[in-house]
PDB file of all heavy atoms in Angstrom:
ATOM      1  N   VAL A   1      65.226  10.204 -11.241  1.00  0.00           N
ATOM      2  CA  VAL A   1      64.968   8.914 -11.703  1.00  0.00           C
ATOM      3  C   VAL A   1      64.585   8.986 -13.170  1.00  0.00           C
ATOM      4  O   VAL A   1      65.203   8.052 -13.929  1.00  0.00           O
ATOM      5  CB  VAL A   1      63.718   8.296 -10.907  1.00  0.00           C
ATOM      6  CG1 VAL A   1      63.298   6.985 -11.461  1.00  0.00           C
ATOM      7  CG2 VAL A   1      64.027   8.252  -9.395  1.00  0.00           C
ATOM      8  N   ALA A   2      63.718   9.698 -13.621  1.00  0.00           N
ATOM      9  CA  ALA A   2      63.291   9.780 -15.047  1.00  0.00           C
ATOM     10  C   ALA A   2      62.622  11.099 -15.320  1.00  0.00           C
ATOM     11  O   ALA A   2      62.042  11.643 -14.386  1.00  0.00           O
ATOM     12  CB  ALA A   2      62.442   8.573 -15.431  1.00  0.00           C
ATOM     13  N   SER A   3      62.769  11.549 -16.462  1.00  0.00           N
ATOM     14  CA  SER A   3      62.036  12.748 -16.863  1.00  0.00           C
ATOM     15  C   SER A   3      61.576  12.660 -18.450  1.00  0.00           C
ATOM     16  O   SER A   3      62.212  11.881 -19.193  1.00  0.00           O
ATOM     17  CB  SER A   3      62.926  13.980 -16.751  1.00  0.00           C
ATOM     18  OG  SER A   3      64.074  14.023 -17.609  1.00  0.00           O
ATOM     19  N   ILE A   4      60.513  13.512 -18.622  1.00  0.00           N
ATOM     20  CA  ILE A   4      60.041  13.426 -19.958  1.00  0.00           C
ATOM     21  C   ILE A   4      59.504  14.825 -20.450  1.00  0.00           C
ATOM     22  O   ILE A   4      58.791  15.423 -19.609  1.00  0.00           O
ATOM     23  CB  ILE A   4      58.879  12.376 -20.190  1.00  0.00           C
ATOM     24  CG1 ILE A   4      58.324  12.290 -21.524  1.00  0.00           C
ATOM     25  CG2 ILE A   4      57.641  12.731 -19.157  1.00  0.00           C
ATOM     26  CD1 ILE A   4      57.403  11.019 -21.723  1.00  0.00           C
ATOM     27  N   GLY A   5      59.795  15.258 -21.513  1.00  0.00           N
ATOM     28  CA  GLY A   5      59.470  16.498 -22.066  1.00  0.00           C
ATOM     29  C   GLY A   5      59.384  16.460 -23.660  1.00  0.00           C
ATOM     30  O   GLY A   5      59.592  15.458 -24.256  1.00  0.00           O
ATOM     31  N   SER A   6      59.271  17.683 -24.143  1.00  0.00           N
ATOM     32  CA  SER A   6      59.011  17.742 -25.629  1.00  0.00           C
ATOM     33  C   SER A   6      60.382  17.353 -26.369  1.00  0.00           C
ATOM     34  O   SER A   6      60.316  16.935 -27.437  1.00  0.00           O
ATOM     35  CB  SER A   6      58.773  19.173 -26.062  1.00  0.00           C
ATOM     36  OG  SER A   6      59.671  20.131 -25.602  1.00  0.00           O
ATOM     37  N   VAL A   7      61.563  17.473 -25.703  1.00  0.00           N
ATOM     38  CA  VAL A   7      62.847  17.199 -26.180  1.00  0.00           C
ATOM     39  C   VAL A   7      63.218  15.805 -26.131  1.00  0.00           C
ATOM     40  O   VAL A   7      64.224  15.311 -26.633  1.00  0.00           O
ATOM     41  CB  VAL A   7      63.986  18.170 -25.687  1.00  0.00           C
ATOM     42  CG1 VAL A   7      63.569  19.553 -26.020  1.00  0.00           C
ATOM     43  CG2 VAL A   7      64.117  18.005 -24.081  1.00  0.00           C
ATOM     44  N   GLY A   8      62.561  14.960 -25.246  1.00  0.00           N
ATOM     45  CA  GLY A   8      62.850  13.643 -25.129  1.00  0.00           C
ATOM     46  C   GLY A   8      62.668  13.034 -23.700  1.00  0.00           C
ATOM     47  O   GLY A   8      62.070  13.675 -22.871  1.00  0.00           O
ATOM     48  N   THR A   9      63.171  11.794 -23.563  1.00  0.00           N
ATOM     49  CA  THR A   9      63.057  11.087 -22.236  1.00  0.00           C
ATOM     50  C   THR A   9      64.300  10.767 -21.777  1.00  0.00           C
ATOM     51  O   THR A   9      65.380  10.508 -22.451  1.00  0.00           O
ATOM     52  CB  THR A   9      62.326   9.826 -22.522  1.00  0.00           C
ATOM     53  OG1 THR A   9      60.977  10.122 -22.969  1.00  0.00           O
ATOM     54  CG2 THR A   9      62.042   9.110 -21.114  1.00  0.00           C
ATOM     55  N   GLN A  10      64.619  10.976 -20.439  1.00  0.00           N
ATOM     56  CA  GLN A  10      65.854  10.715 -19.703  1.00  0.00           C
ATOM     57  C   GLN A  10      65.622   9.796 -18.610  1.00  0.00           C
ATOM     58  O   GLN A  10      64.690   9.874 -17.874  1.00  0.00           O
ATOM     59  CB  GLN A  10      66.461  11.952 -19.346  1.00  0.00           C
ATOM     60  CG  GLN A  10      67.784  11.921 -18.733  1.00  0.00           C
ATOM     61  CD  GLN A  10      68.389  13.212 -18.109  1.00  0.00           C
ATOM     62  OE1 GLN A  10      67.725  14.279 -18.073  1.00  0.00           O
ATOM     63  NE2 GLN A  10      69.656  13.178 -17.701  1.00  0.00           N
ATOM     64  N   TYR A  11      66.642   8.831 -18.403  1.00  0.00           N
ATOM     65  CA  TYR A  11      66.532   7.885 -17.389  1.00  0.00           C
ATOM     66  C   TYR A  11      67.820   7.782 -16.659  1.00  0.00           C
ATOM     67  O   TYR A  11      68.935   7.954 -17.314  1.00  0.00           O
ATOM     68  CB  TYR A  11      66.229   6.451 -17.835  1.00  0.00           C
ATOM     69  CG  TYR A  11      64.882   6.238 -18.380  1.00  0.00           C
ATOM     70  CD1 TYR A  11      64.528   6.328 -19.759  1.00  0.00           C
ATOM     71  CD2 TYR A  11      63.792   6.011 -17.601  1.00  0.00           C
ATOM     72  CE1 TYR A  11      63.333   6.190 -20.299  1.00  0.00           C
ATOM     73  CE2 TYR A  11      62.571   5.683 -17.967  1.00  0.00           C
ATOM     74  CZ  TYR A  11      62.277   5.943 -19.404  1.00  0.00           C
ATOM     75  OH  TYR A  11      61.059   5.598 -19.955  1.00  0.00           O
ATOM     76  N   ALA A  12      67.859   7.730 -15.380  1.00  0.00           N
ATOM     77  CA  ALA A  12      69.055   7.401 -14.533  1.00  0.00           C
ATOM     78  C   ALA A  12      69.561   6.055 -14.979  1.00  0.00           C
ATOM     79  O   ALA A  12      68.770   5.078 -15.240  1.00  0.00           O
ATOM     80  CB  ALA A  12      68.840   7.440 -13.066  1.00  0.00           C
ATOM     81  N   ASP A  13      70.864   5.849 -14.979  1.00  0.00           N
ATOM     82  CA  ASP A  13      71.502   4.581 -15.284  1.00  0.00           C
ATOM     83  C   ASP A  13      70.963   3.458 -14.387  1.00  0.00           C
ATOM     84  O   ASP A  13      70.837   2.329 -15.002  1.00  0.00           O
ATOM     85  CB  ASP A  13      72.855   4.711 -15.187  1.00  0.00           C
ATOM     86  CG  ASP A  13      73.624   5.497 -16.406  1.00  0.00           C
ATOM     87  OD1 ASP A  13      72.861   5.729 -17.337  1.00  0.00           O
ATOM     88  OD2 ASP A  13      74.762   5.863 -16.150  1.00  0.00           O
ATOM     89  N   PHE A  14      70.624   3.722 -13.144  1.00  0.00           N
ATOM     90  CA  PHE A  14      70.244   2.671 -12.247  1.00  0.00           C
ATOM     91  C   PHE A  14      68.832   2.162 -12.501  1.00  0.00           C
ATOM     92  O   PHE A  14      68.554   1.260 -11.795  1.00  0.00           O
ATOM     93  CB  PHE A  14      70.502   3.044 -10.796  1.00  0.00           C
ATOM     94  CG  PHE A  14      69.929   4.419 -10.348  1.00  0.00           C
ATOM     95  CD1 PHE A  14      68.529   4.453 -10.007  1.00  0.00           C
ATOM     96  CD2 PHE A  14      70.685   5.587 -10.377  1.00  0.00           C
ATOM     97  CE1 PHE A  14      67.939   5.657  -9.686  1.00  0.00           C
ATOM     98  CE2 PHE A  14      70.005   6.776  -9.946  1.00  0.00           C
ATOM     99  CZ  PHE A  14      68.633   6.791  -9.626  1.00  0.00           C
ATOM    100  N   VAL A  15      68.057   2.821 -13.322  1.00  0.00           N
ATOM    101  CA  VAL A  15      66.700   2.351 -13.505  1.00  0.00           C
ATOM    102  C   VAL A  15      66.515   1.931 -14.993  1.00  0.00           C
ATOM    103  O   VAL A  15      65.413   1.334 -15.198  1.00  0.00           O
ATOM    104  CB  VAL A  15      65.658   3.444 -13.078  1.00  0.00           C
ATOM    105  CG1 VAL A  15      65.872   3.703 -11.572  1.00  0.00           C
ATOM    106  CG2 VAL A  15      65.655   4.606 -13.956  1.00  0.00           C
ATOM    107  N   LYS A  16      67.363   2.360 -15.901  1.00  0.00           N
ATOM    108  CA  LYS A  16      67.171   2.113 -17.285  1.00  0.00           C
ATOM    109  C   LYS A  16      66.932   0.661 -17.534  1.00  0.00           C
ATOM    110  O   LYS A  16      67.685  -0.110 -17.157  1.00  0.00           O
ATOM    111  CB  LYS A  16      68.417   2.686 -18.089  1.00  0.00           C
ATOM    112  CG  LYS A  16      68.088   2.877 -19.558  1.00  0.00           C
ATOM    113  CD  LYS A  16      69.099   3.631 -20.230  1.00  0.00           C
ATOM    114  CE  LYS A  16      68.714   3.823 -21.651  1.00  0.00           C
ATOM    115  NZ  LYS A  16      69.782   4.596 -22.481  1.00  0.00           N
ATOM    116  N   GLY A  17      66.086   0.379 -18.208  1.00  0.00           N
ATOM    117  CA  GLY A  17      65.597  -1.020 -18.577  1.00  0.00           C
ATOM    118  C   GLY A  17      64.642  -1.643 -17.667  1.00  0.00           C
ATOM    119  O   GLY A  17      64.157  -2.648 -17.944  1.00  0.00           O
ATOM    120  N   ARG A  18      64.383  -1.004 -16.555  1.00  0.00           N
ATOM    121  CA  ARG A  18      63.410  -1.412 -15.587  1.00  0.00           C
ATOM    122  C   ARG A  18      62.224  -0.513 -15.468  1.00  0.00           C
ATOM    123  O   ARG A  18      61.179  -1.005 -15.129  1.00  0.00           O
ATOM    124  CB  ARG A  18      64.088  -1.604 -14.062  1.00  0.00           C
ATOM    125  CG  ARG A  18      65.296  -2.577 -14.219  1.00  0.00           C
ATOM    126  CD  ARG A  18      65.740  -2.827 -12.720  1.00  0.00           C
ATOM    127  NE  ARG A  18      66.299  -1.625 -12.160  1.00  0.00           N
ATOM    128  CZ  ARG A  18      65.875  -1.113 -10.972  1.00  0.00           C
ATOM    129  NH1 ARG A  18      64.883  -1.747 -10.293  1.00  0.00           N
ATOM    130  NH2 ARG A  18      66.482  -0.065 -10.450  1.00  0.00           N
ATOM    131  N   PHE A  19      62.548   0.733 -15.444  1.00  0.00           N
ATOM    132  CA  PHE A  19      61.495   1.809 -15.330  1.00  0.00           C
ATOM    133  C   PHE A  19      60.974   2.373 -16.660  1.00  0.00           C
ATOM    134  O   PHE A  19      61.899   2.545 -17.414  1.00  0.00           O
ATOM    135  CB  PHE A  19      61.863   2.951 -14.359  1.00  0.00           C
ATOM    136  CG  PHE A  19      62.091   2.522 -12.786  1.00  0.00           C
ATOM    137  CD1 PHE A  19      62.066   1.167 -12.580  1.00  0.00           C
ATOM    138  CD2 PHE A  19      62.385   3.479 -11.882  1.00  0.00           C
ATOM    139  CE1 PHE A  19      62.246   0.759 -11.184  1.00  0.00           C
ATOM    140  CE2 PHE A  19      62.563   3.107 -10.610  1.00  0.00           C
ATOM    141  CZ  PHE A  19      62.592   1.761 -10.248  1.00  0.00           C
ATOM    142  N   THR A  20      59.836   2.875 -16.717  1.00  0.00           N
ATOM    143  CA  THR A  20      59.342   3.531 -17.900  1.00  0.00           C
ATOM    144  C   THR A  20      58.485   4.762 -17.453  1.00  0.00           C
ATOM    145  O   THR A  20      57.644   4.598 -16.715  1.00  0.00           O
ATOM    146  CB  THR A  20      58.445   2.607 -18.817  1.00  0.00           C
ATOM    147  OG1 THR A  20      59.305   1.484 -19.217  1.00  0.00           O
ATOM    148  CG2 THR A  20      58.040   3.385 -20.045  1.00  0.00           C
ATOM    149  N   ILE A  21      58.887   5.857 -17.997  1.00  0.00           N
ATOM    150  CA  ILE A  21      58.105   7.087 -17.712  1.00  0.00           C
ATOM    151  C   ILE A  21      57.118   7.327 -18.889  1.00  0.00           C
ATOM    152  O   ILE A  21      57.617   7.220 -20.103  1.00  0.00           O
ATOM    153  CB  ILE A  21      58.991   8.292 -17.401  1.00  0.00           C
ATOM    154  CG1 ILE A  21      58.202   9.540 -16.869  1.00  0.00           C
ATOM    155  CG2 ILE A  21      59.948   8.622 -18.641  1.00  0.00           C
ATOM    156  CD1 ILE A  21      59.011  10.560 -16.396  1.00  0.00           C
ATOM    157  N   SER A  22      56.022   7.892 -18.714  1.00  0.00           N
ATOM    158  CA  SER A  22      55.054   8.292 -19.635  1.00  0.00           C
ATOM    159  C   SER A  22      54.288   9.378 -19.193  1.00  0.00           C
ATOM    160  O   SER A  22      54.248   9.723 -17.949  1.00  0.00           O
ATOM    161  CB  SER A  22      54.126   7.077 -20.191  1.00  0.00           C
ATOM    162  OG  SER A  22      53.391   6.600 -18.940  1.00  0.00           O
ATOM    163  N   ARG A  23      53.568  10.086 -20.122  1.00  0.00           N
ATOM    164  CA  ARG A  23      52.955  11.318 -19.827  1.00  0.00           C
ATOM    165  C   ARG A  23      51.669  11.416 -20.644  1.00  0.00           C
ATOM    166  O   ARG A  23      51.601  11.154 -21.823  1.00  0.00           O
ATOM    167  CB  ARG A  23      53.771  12.473 -20.119  1.00  0.00           C
ATOM    168  CG  ARG A  23      53.280  13.939 -19.815  1.00  0.00           C
ATOM    169  CD  ARG A  23      54.175  14.937 -20.197  1.00  0.00           C
ATOM    170  NE  ARG A  23      53.678  16.207 -20.088  1.00  0.00           N
ATOM    171  CZ  ARG A  23      54.324  17.337 -20.436  1.00  0.00           C
ATOM    172  NH1 ARG A  23      55.631  17.353 -20.874  1.00  0.00           N
ATOM    173  NH2 ARG A  23      53.716  18.574 -20.256  1.00  0.00           N
ATOM    174  N   ALA A  24      50.521  11.823 -19.907  1.00  0.00           N
ATOM    175  CA  ALA A  24      49.331  12.109 -20.589  1.00  0.00           C
ATOM    176  C   ALA A  24      49.303  13.624 -20.519  1.00  0.00           C
ATOM    177  O   ALA A  24      48.758  14.337 -19.603  1.00  0.00           O
ATOM    178  CB  ALA A  24      48.155  11.597 -19.811  1.00  0.00           C
ATOM    179  N   THR A  25      49.783  14.319 -21.642  1.00  0.00           N
ATOM    180  CA  THR A  25      50.043  15.683 -21.741  1.00  0.00           C
ATOM    181  C   THR A  25      48.746  16.500 -21.486  1.00  0.00           C
ATOM    182  O   THR A  25      48.777  17.542 -20.842  1.00  0.00           O
ATOM    183  CB  THR A  25      50.672  16.098 -23.043  1.00  0.00           C
ATOM    184  OG1 THR A  25      51.805  15.237 -23.258  1.00  0.00           O
ATOM    185  CG2 THR A  25      51.081  17.521 -23.106  1.00  0.00           C
ATOM    186  N   ALA A  26      47.593  16.035 -22.051  1.00  0.00           N
ATOM    187  CA  ALA A  26      46.329  16.890 -22.007  1.00  0.00           C
ATOM    188  C   ALA A  26      45.788  16.892 -20.629  1.00  0.00           C
ATOM    189  O   ALA A  26      45.084  17.790 -20.276  1.00  0.00           O
ATOM    190  CB  ALA A  26      45.455  16.274 -23.017  1.00  0.00           C
ATOM    191  N   ARG A  27      46.154  15.846 -19.879  1.00  0.00           N
ATOM    192  CA  ARG A  27      45.769  15.831 -18.452  1.00  0.00           C
ATOM    193  C   ARG A  27      46.786  16.257 -17.446  1.00  0.00           C
ATOM    194  O   ARG A  27      46.603  16.115 -16.211  1.00  0.00           O
ATOM    195  CB  ARG A  27      45.235  14.504 -18.061  1.00  0.00           C
ATOM    196  CG  ARG A  27      44.039  14.075 -19.019  1.00  0.00           C
ATOM    197  CD  ARG A  27      43.354  12.870 -18.517  1.00  0.00           C
ATOM    198  NE  ARG A  27      44.140  11.567 -18.560  1.00  0.00           N
ATOM    199  CZ  ARG A  27      44.574  10.923 -17.481  1.00  0.00           C
ATOM    200  NH1 ARG A  27      44.305  11.276 -16.327  1.00  0.00           N
ATOM    201  NH2 ARG A  27      45.304   9.836 -17.685  1.00  0.00           N
ATOM    202  N   ASN A  28      47.979  16.771 -17.884  1.00  0.00           N
ATOM    203  CA  ASN A  28      49.073  17.013 -16.954  1.00  0.00           C
ATOM    204  C   ASN A  28      49.357  15.988 -15.941  1.00  0.00           C
ATOM    205  O   ASN A  28      49.462  16.364 -14.822  1.00  0.00           O
ATOM    206  CB  ASN A  28      48.848  18.322 -16.320  1.00  0.00           C
ATOM    207  CG  ASN A  28      48.972  19.525 -17.386  1.00  0.00           C
ATOM    208  OD1 ASN A  28      49.647  19.570 -18.350  1.00  0.00           O
ATOM    209  ND2 ASN A  28      48.138  20.626 -17.091  1.00  0.00           N
ATOM    210  N   THR A  29      49.510  14.718 -16.404  1.00  0.00           N
ATOM    211  CA  THR A  29      49.757  13.552 -15.616  1.00  0.00           C
ATOM    212  C   THR A  29      50.891  12.919 -16.126  1.00  0.00           C
ATOM    213  O   THR A  29      51.064  12.644 -17.317  1.00  0.00           O
ATOM    214  CB  THR A  29      48.564  12.672 -15.549  1.00  0.00           C
ATOM    215  OG1 THR A  29      47.321  13.470 -15.109  1.00  0.00           O
ATOM    216  CG2 THR A  29      48.725  11.475 -14.658  1.00  0.00           C
ATOM    217  N   VAL A  30      51.750  12.503 -15.284  1.00  0.00           N
ATOM    218  CA  VAL A  30      52.971  11.609 -15.494  1.00  0.00           C
ATOM    219  C   VAL A  30      52.947  10.362 -14.716  1.00  0.00           C
ATOM    220  O   VAL A  30      52.467  10.448 -13.532  1.00  0.00           O
ATOM    221  CB  VAL A  30      54.268  12.510 -15.334  1.00  0.00           C
ATOM    222  CG1 VAL A  30      54.376  12.881 -13.744  1.00  0.00           C
ATOM    223  CG2 VAL A  30      55.459  11.782 -15.835  1.00  0.00           C
ATOM    224  N   TYR A  31      53.455   9.373 -15.328  1.00  0.00           N
ATOM    225  CA  TYR A  31      53.430   8.008 -14.784  1.00  0.00           C
ATOM    226  C   TYR A  31      54.737   7.416 -14.669  1.00  0.00           C
ATOM    227  O   TYR A  31      55.714   7.744 -15.472  1.00  0.00           O
ATOM    228  CB  TYR A  31      52.602   7.037 -15.560  1.00  0.00           C
ATOM    229  CG  TYR A  31      51.084   7.561 -15.768  1.00  0.00           C
ATOM    230  CD1 TYR A  31      50.730   8.247 -16.921  1.00  0.00           C
ATOM    231  CD2 TYR A  31      50.107   7.293 -14.837  1.00  0.00           C
ATOM    232  CE1 TYR A  31      49.531   8.699 -17.103  1.00  0.00           C
ATOM    233  CE2 TYR A  31      48.915   7.757 -14.946  1.00  0.00           C
ATOM    234  CZ  TYR A  31      48.567   8.412 -16.133  1.00  0.00           C
ATOM    235  OH  TYR A  31      47.260   8.876 -16.380  1.00  0.00           O
ATOM    236  N   LEU A  32      55.124   6.538 -13.769  1.00  0.00           N
ATOM    237  CA  LEU A  32      56.278   5.901 -13.585  1.00  0.00           C
ATOM    238  C   LEU A  32      56.025   4.390 -13.462  1.00  0.00           C
ATOM    239  O   LEU A  32      55.593   3.986 -12.399  1.00  0.00           O
ATOM    240  CB  LEU A  32      57.295   6.410 -12.568  1.00  0.00           C
ATOM    241  CG  LEU A  32      58.662   5.817 -12.486  1.00  0.00           C
ATOM    242  CD1 LEU A  32      59.502   6.242 -13.827  1.00  0.00           C
ATOM    243  CD2 LEU A  32      59.418   6.273 -11.249  1.00  0.00           C
TER     244      LEU A  32
END
């Protein structure tokens, strides 16, 4: 669906524009 890392963010075409991934790196938490 989506991924986030130091090199950037990636979204599947079917969710792009609708979903947003984010990350609280210090807490090892990812959100969608």
